[in-house]
């Protein structure tokens, strides 16, 4: 997985988790809401990418 993300992708994930953890220290309800939004966006992006790949006959 690391070889597919690259160093910038890995750094982005670390920063995202660190920011979410920092918010969670003070406002855990907001952190849970942000985590749900991020998971939702990731699922939408995965669906879009899968759909585009299928339309090109790659998947």
PDB file of N, CA and C in Angstrom:
ATOM      1  N   UNK A   1       0.819  -1.186   0.000  1.00  0.00           N
ATOM      2  CA  UNK A   1       0.000   0.000   0.000  1.00  0.00           C
ATOM      3  C   UNK A   1       0.868   1.257   0.000  1.00  0.00           C
ATOM      4  N   UNK A   2       1.946   1.230   0.730  1.00  0.00           N
ATOM      5  CA  UNK A   2       2.814   2.401   0.817  1.00  0.00           C
ATOM      6  C   UNK A   2       3.428   2.720  -0.538  1.00  0.00           C
ATOM      7  N   UNK A   3       3.783   1.693  -1.310  1.00  0.00           N
ATOM      8  CA  UNK A   3       4.393   1.942  -2.616  1.00  0.00           C
ATOM      9  C   UNK A   3       3.394   2.562  -3.601  1.00  0.00           C
ATOM     10  N   UNK A   4       2.104   2.322  -3.431  1.00  0.00           N
ATOM     11  CA  UNK A   4       1.094   2.915  -4.308  1.00  0.00           C
ATOM     12  C   UNK A   4       0.763   4.348  -3.912  1.00  0.00           C
ATOM     13  N   UNK A   5       0.843   4.662  -2.618  1.00  0.00           N
ATOM     14  CA  UNK A   5       0.539   6.010  -2.155  1.00  0.00           C
ATOM     15  C   UNK A   5       1.697   6.979  -2.371  1.00  0.00           C
ATOM     16  N   UNK A   6       2.878   6.505  -2.150  1.00  0.00           N
ATOM     17  CA  UNK A   6       4.035   7.386  -2.222  1.00  0.00           C
ATOM     18  C   UNK A   6       4.211   8.111  -0.892  1.00  0.00           C
ATOM     19  N   UNK A   7       5.291   8.840  -0.818  1.00  0.00           N
ATOM     20  CA  UNK A   7       5.599   9.545   0.435  1.00  0.00           C
ATOM     21  C   UNK A   7       4.620  10.685   0.702  1.00  0.00           C
ATOM     22  N   UNK A   8       4.196  11.395  -0.342  1.00  0.00           N
ATOM     23  CA  UNK A   8       3.267  12.507  -0.127  1.00  0.00           C
ATOM     24  C   UNK A   8       1.895  11.992   0.315  1.00  0.00           C
ATOM     25  N   UNK A   9       1.454  10.867  -0.233  1.00  0.00           N
ATOM     26  CA  UNK A   9       0.183  10.287   0.187  1.00  0.00           C
ATOM     27  C   UNK A   9       0.223   9.801   1.617  1.00  0.00           C
ATOM     28  N   UNK A  10       1.333   9.190   1.987  1.00  0.00           N
ATOM     29  CA  UNK A  10       1.503   8.723   3.359  1.00  0.00           C
ATOM     30  C   UNK A  10       1.549   9.894   4.329  1.00  0.00           C
ATOM     31  N   UNK A  11       2.247  10.960   3.947  1.00  0.00           N
ATOM     32  CA  UNK A  11       2.309  12.155   4.789  1.00  0.00           C
ATOM     33  C   UNK A  11       0.923  12.779   4.928  1.00  0.00           C
ATOM     34  N   UNK A  12       0.138  12.754   3.859  1.00  0.00           N
ATOM     35  CA  UNK A  12      -1.219  13.283   3.915  1.00  0.00           C
ATOM     36  C   UNK A  12      -2.095  12.509   4.877  1.00  0.00           C
ATOM     37  N   UNK A  13      -1.970  11.191   4.862  1.00  0.00           N
ATOM     38  CA  UNK A  13      -2.758  10.366   5.783  1.00  0.00           C
ATOM     39  C   UNK A  13      -2.347  10.627   7.223  1.00  0.00           C
ATOM     40  N   UNK A  14      -1.036  10.745   7.459  1.00  0.00           N
ATOM     41  CA  UNK A  14      -0.551  11.014   8.816  1.00  0.00           C
ATOM     42  C   UNK A  14      -1.059  12.371   9.309  1.00  0.00           C
ATOM     43  N   UNK A  15      -1.001  13.390   8.448  1.00  0.00           N
ATOM     44  CA  UNK A  15      -1.496  14.716   8.833  1.00  0.00           C
ATOM     45  C   UNK A  15      -2.994  14.707   9.079  1.00  0.00           C
ATOM     46  N   UNK A  16      -3.738  13.971   8.247  1.00  0.00           N
ATOM     47  CA  UNK A  16      -5.176  13.874   8.433  1.00  0.00           C
ATOM     48  C   UNK A  16      -5.517  13.238   9.779  1.00  0.00           C
ATOM     49  N   UNK A  17      -4.849  12.145  10.101  1.00  0.00           N
ATOM     50  CA  UNK A  17      -5.108  11.474  11.378  1.00  0.00           C
ATOM     51  C   UNK A  17      -4.655  12.308  12.568  1.00  0.00           C
ATOM     52  N   UNK A  18      -3.535  13.013  12.420  1.00  0.00           N
ATOM     53  CA  UNK A  18      -3.053  13.871  13.501  1.00  0.00           C
ATOM     54  C   UNK A  18      -4.031  15.020  13.749  1.00  0.00           C
ATOM     55  N   UNK A  19      -4.522  15.621  12.675  1.00  0.00           N
ATOM     56  CA  UNK A  19      -5.496  16.696  12.833  1.00  0.00           C
ATOM     57  C   UNK A  19      -6.781  16.222  13.467  1.00  0.00           C
ATOM     58  N   UNK A  20      -7.240  15.060  13.048  1.00  0.00           N
ATOM     59  CA  UNK A  20      -8.453  14.490  13.626  1.00  0.00           C
ATOM     60  C   UNK A  20      -8.245  14.165  15.110  1.00  0.00           C
ATOM     61  N   UNK A  21      -7.071  13.664  15.445  1.00  0.00           N
ATOM     62  CA  UNK A  21      -6.761  13.376  16.844  1.00  0.00           C
ATOM     63  C   UNK A  21      -6.673  14.638  17.685  1.00  0.00           C
ATOM     64  N   UNK A  22      -6.098  15.686  17.118  1.00  0.00           N
ATOM     65  CA  UNK A  22      -5.989  16.958  17.829  1.00  0.00           C
ATOM     66  C   UNK A  22      -7.370  17.542  18.108  1.00  0.00           C
ATOM     67  N   UNK A  23      -8.255  17.495  17.111  1.00  0.00           N
ATOM     68  CA  UNK A  23      -9.626  17.971  17.319  1.00  0.00           C
ATOM     69  C   UNK A  23     -10.321  17.090  18.352  1.00  0.00           C
ATOM     70  N   UNK A  24     -10.055  15.789  18.295  1.00  0.00           N
ATOM     71  CA  UNK A  24     -10.693  14.852  19.220  1.00  0.00           C
ATOM     72  C   UNK A  24     -10.313  15.062  20.669  1.00  0.00           C
ATOM     73  N   UNK A  25      -9.152  15.666  20.903  1.00  0.00           N
ATOM     74  CA  UNK A  25      -8.756  15.936  22.287  1.00  0.00           C
ATOM     75  C   UNK A  25      -9.700  16.926  22.965  1.00  0.00           C
ATOM     76  N   UNK A  26     -10.205  17.870  22.214  1.00  0.00           N
ATOM     77  CA  UNK A  26     -11.026  18.919  22.795  1.00  0.00           C
ATOM     78  C   UNK A  26     -12.511  18.748  22.500  1.00  0.00           C
ATOM     79  N   UNK A  27     -12.839  18.314  21.280  1.00  0.00           N
ATOM     80  CA  UNK A  27     -14.240  18.187  20.866  1.00  0.00           C
ATOM     81  C   UNK A  27     -14.430  16.830  20.201  1.00  0.00           C
ATOM     82  N   UNK A  28     -14.689  15.802  20.984  1.00  0.00           N
ATOM     83  CA  UNK A  28     -14.748  14.457  20.410  1.00  0.00           C
ATOM     84  C   UNK A  28     -15.962  14.286  19.497  1.00  0.00           C
ATOM     85  N   UNK A  29     -17.059  15.010  19.761  1.00  0.00           N
ATOM     86  CA  UNK A  29     -18.230  14.884  18.900  1.00  0.00           C
ATOM     87  C   UNK A  29     -17.932  15.431  17.503  1.00  0.00           C
ATOM     88  N   UNK A  30     -17.208  16.537  17.444  1.00  0.00           N
ATOM     89  CA  UNK A  30     -16.840  17.120  16.160  1.00  0.00           C
ATOM     90  C   UNK A  30     -15.894  16.176  15.420  1.00  0.00           C
ATOM     91  N   UNK A  31     -14.960  15.563  16.147  1.00  0.00           N
ATOM     92  CA  UNK A  31     -14.009  14.635  15.531  1.00  0.00           C
ATOM     93  C   UNK A  31     -14.735  13.423  14.944  1.00  0.00           C
ATOM     94  N   UNK A  32     -15.733  12.921  15.638  1.00  0.00           N
ATOM     95  CA  UNK A  32     -16.506  11.786  15.120  1.00  0.00           C
ATOM     96  C   UNK A  32     -17.260  12.202  13.857  1.00  0.00           C
ATOM     97  N   UNK A  33     -17.845  13.384  13.872  1.00  0.00           N
ATOM     98  CA  UNK A  33     -18.551  13.878  12.697  1.00  0.00           C
ATOM     99  C   UNK A  33     -17.621  14.056  11.511  1.00  0.00           C
ATOM    100  N   UNK A  34     -16.450  14.627  11.736  1.00  0.00           N
ATOM    101  CA  UNK A  34     -15.472  14.799  10.662  1.00  0.00           C
ATOM    102  C   UNK A  34     -15.000  13.454  10.124  1.00  0.00           C
ATOM    103  N   UNK A  35     -14.804  12.489  11.006  1.00  0.00           N
ATOM    104  CA  UNK A  35     -14.380  11.163  10.565  1.00  0.00           C
ATOM    105  C   UNK A  35     -15.450  10.531   9.672  1.00  0.00           C
ATOM    106  N   UNK A  36     -16.711  10.684  10.042  1.00  0.00           N
ATOM    107  CA  UNK A  36     -17.788  10.137   9.213  1.00  0.00           C
ATOM    108  C   UNK A  36     -17.850  10.822   7.855  1.00  0.00           C
ATOM    109  N   UNK A  37     -17.651  12.130   7.834  1.00  0.00           N
ATOM    110  CA  UNK A  37     -17.646  12.858   6.564  1.00  0.00           C
ATOM    111  C   UNK A  37     -16.490  12.383   5.690  1.00  0.00           C
ATOM    112  N   UNK A  38     -15.308  12.206   6.271  1.00  0.00           N
ATOM    113  CA  UNK A  38     -14.148  11.762   5.504  1.00  0.00           C
ATOM    114  C   UNK A  38     -14.345  10.354   4.950  1.00  0.00           C
ATOM    115  N   UNK A  39     -14.936   9.472   5.727  1.00  0.00           N
ATOM    116  CA  UNK A  39     -15.212   8.116   5.250  1.00  0.00           C
ATOM    117  C   UNK A  39     -16.235   8.158   4.114  1.00  0.00           C
ATOM    118  N   UNK A  40     -17.234   9.004   4.255  1.00  0.00           N
ATOM    119  CA  UNK A  40     -18.229   9.145   3.192  1.00  0.00           C
ATOM    120  C   UNK A  40     -17.615   9.654   1.902  1.00  0.00           C
ATOM    121  N   UNK A  41     -16.751  10.652   1.993  1.00  0.00           N
ATOM    122  CA  UNK A  41     -16.076  11.178   0.801  1.00  0.00           C
ATOM    123  C   UNK A  41     -15.193  10.108   0.169  1.00  0.00           C
ATOM    124  N   UNK A  42     -14.504   9.338   0.986  1.00  0.00           N
ATOM    125  CA  UNK A  42     -13.652   8.268   0.457  1.00  0.00           C
ATOM    126  C   UNK A  42     -14.485   7.213  -0.274  1.00  0.00           C
ATOM    127  N   UNK A  43     -15.643   6.861   0.266  1.00  0.00           N
ATOM    128  CA  UNK A  43     -16.501   5.874  -0.389  1.00  0.00           C
ATOM    129  C   UNK A  43     -17.072   6.407  -1.705  1.00  0.00           C
ATOM    130  N   UNK A  44     -17.429   7.687  -1.727  1.00  0.00           N
ATOM    131  CA  UNK A  44     -17.902   8.291  -2.975  1.00  0.00           C
ATOM    132  C   UNK A  44     -16.795   8.285  -4.018  1.00  0.00           C
ATOM    133  N   UNK A  45     -15.588   8.665  -3.623  1.00  0.00           N
ATOM    134  CA  UNK A  45     -14.460   8.686  -4.562  1.00  0.00           C
ATOM    135  C   UNK A  45     -14.171   7.290  -5.089  1.00  0.00           C
ATOM    136  N   UNK A  46     -14.222   6.280  -4.224  1.00  0.00           N
ATOM    137  CA  UNK A  46     -13.986   4.901  -4.662  1.00  0.00           C
ATOM    138  C   UNK A  46     -15.044   4.468  -5.663  1.00  0.00           C
ATOM    139  N   UNK A  47     -16.302   4.818  -5.404  1.00  0.00           N
ATOM    140  CA  UNK A  47     -17.371   4.477  -6.334  1.00  0.00           C
ATOM    141  C   UNK A  47     -17.201   5.155  -7.681  1.00  0.00           C
ATOM    142  N   UNK A  48     -16.824   6.433  -7.672  1.00  0.00           N
ATOM    143  CA  UNK A  48     -16.610   7.153  -8.920  1.00  0.00           C
ATOM    144  C   UNK A  48     -15.446   6.577  -9.714  1.00  0.00           C
ATOM    145  N   UNK A  49     -14.355   6.277  -9.034  1.00  0.00           N
ATOM    146  CA  UNK A  49     -13.184   5.726  -9.715  1.00  0.00           C
ATOM    147  C   UNK A  49     -13.506   4.354 -10.302  1.00  0.00           C
ATOM    148  N   UNK A  50     -14.213   3.529  -9.545  1.00  0.00           N
ATOM    149  CA  UNK A  50     -14.594   2.207 -10.040  1.00  0.00           C
ATOM    150  C   UNK A  50     -15.508   2.324 -11.266  1.00  0.00           C
ATOM    151  N   UNK A  51     -16.439   3.259 -11.220  1.00  0.00           N
ATOM    152  CA  UNK A  51     -17.357   3.459 -12.327  1.00  0.00           C
ATOM    153  C   UNK A  51     -16.612   3.917 -13.578  1.00  0.00           C
ATOM    154  N   UNK A  52     -15.704   4.849 -13.432  1.00  0.00           N
ATOM    155  CA  UNK A  52     -14.930   5.341 -14.578  1.00  0.00           C
ATOM    156  C   UNK A  52     -14.056   4.239 -15.149  1.00  0.00           C
ATOM    157  N   UNK A  53     -13.429   3.450 -14.281  1.00  0.00           N
ATOM    158  CA  UNK A  53     -12.579   2.357 -14.757  1.00  0.00           C
ATOM    159  C   UNK A  53     -13.404   1.309 -15.500  1.00  0.00           C
ATOM    160  N   UNK A  54     -14.616   1.022 -15.018  1.00  0.00           N
ATOM    161  CA  UNK A  54     -15.478   0.059 -15.702  1.00  0.00           C
ATOM    162  C   UNK A  54     -15.920   0.593 -17.068  1.00  0.00           C
ATOM    163  N   UNK A  55     -16.165   1.895 -17.157  1.00  0.00           N
ATOM    164  CA  UNK A  55     -16.596   2.446 -18.444  1.00  0.00           C
ATOM    165  C   UNK A  55     -15.469   2.396 -19.481  1.00  0.00           C
ATOM    166  N   UNK A  56     -14.220   2.415 -19.022  1.00  0.00           N
ATOM    167  CA  UNK A  56     -13.091   2.275 -19.930  1.00  0.00           C
ATOM    168  C   UNK A  56     -12.701   0.812 -20.143  1.00  0.00           C
ATOM    169  N   UNK A  57     -13.390  -0.108 -19.468  1.00  0.00           N
ATOM    170  CA  UNK A  57     -13.123  -1.526 -19.626  1.00  0.00           C
ATOM    171  C   UNK A  57     -11.882  -2.002 -18.904  1.00  0.00           C
ATOM    172  N   UNK A  58     -11.484  -1.301 -17.890  1.00  0.00           N
ATOM    173  CA  UNK A  58     -10.259  -1.651 -17.156  1.00  0.00           C
ATOM    174  C   UNK A  58     -10.528  -2.522 -15.943  1.00  0.00           C
ATOM    175  N   UNK A  59     -11.746  -2.601 -15.498  1.00  0.00           N
ATOM    176  CA  UNK A  59     -12.004  -3.268 -14.219  1.00  0.00           C
ATOM    177  C   UNK A  59     -13.100  -4.270 -14.370  1.00  0.00           C
TER     178      UNK A  59
END
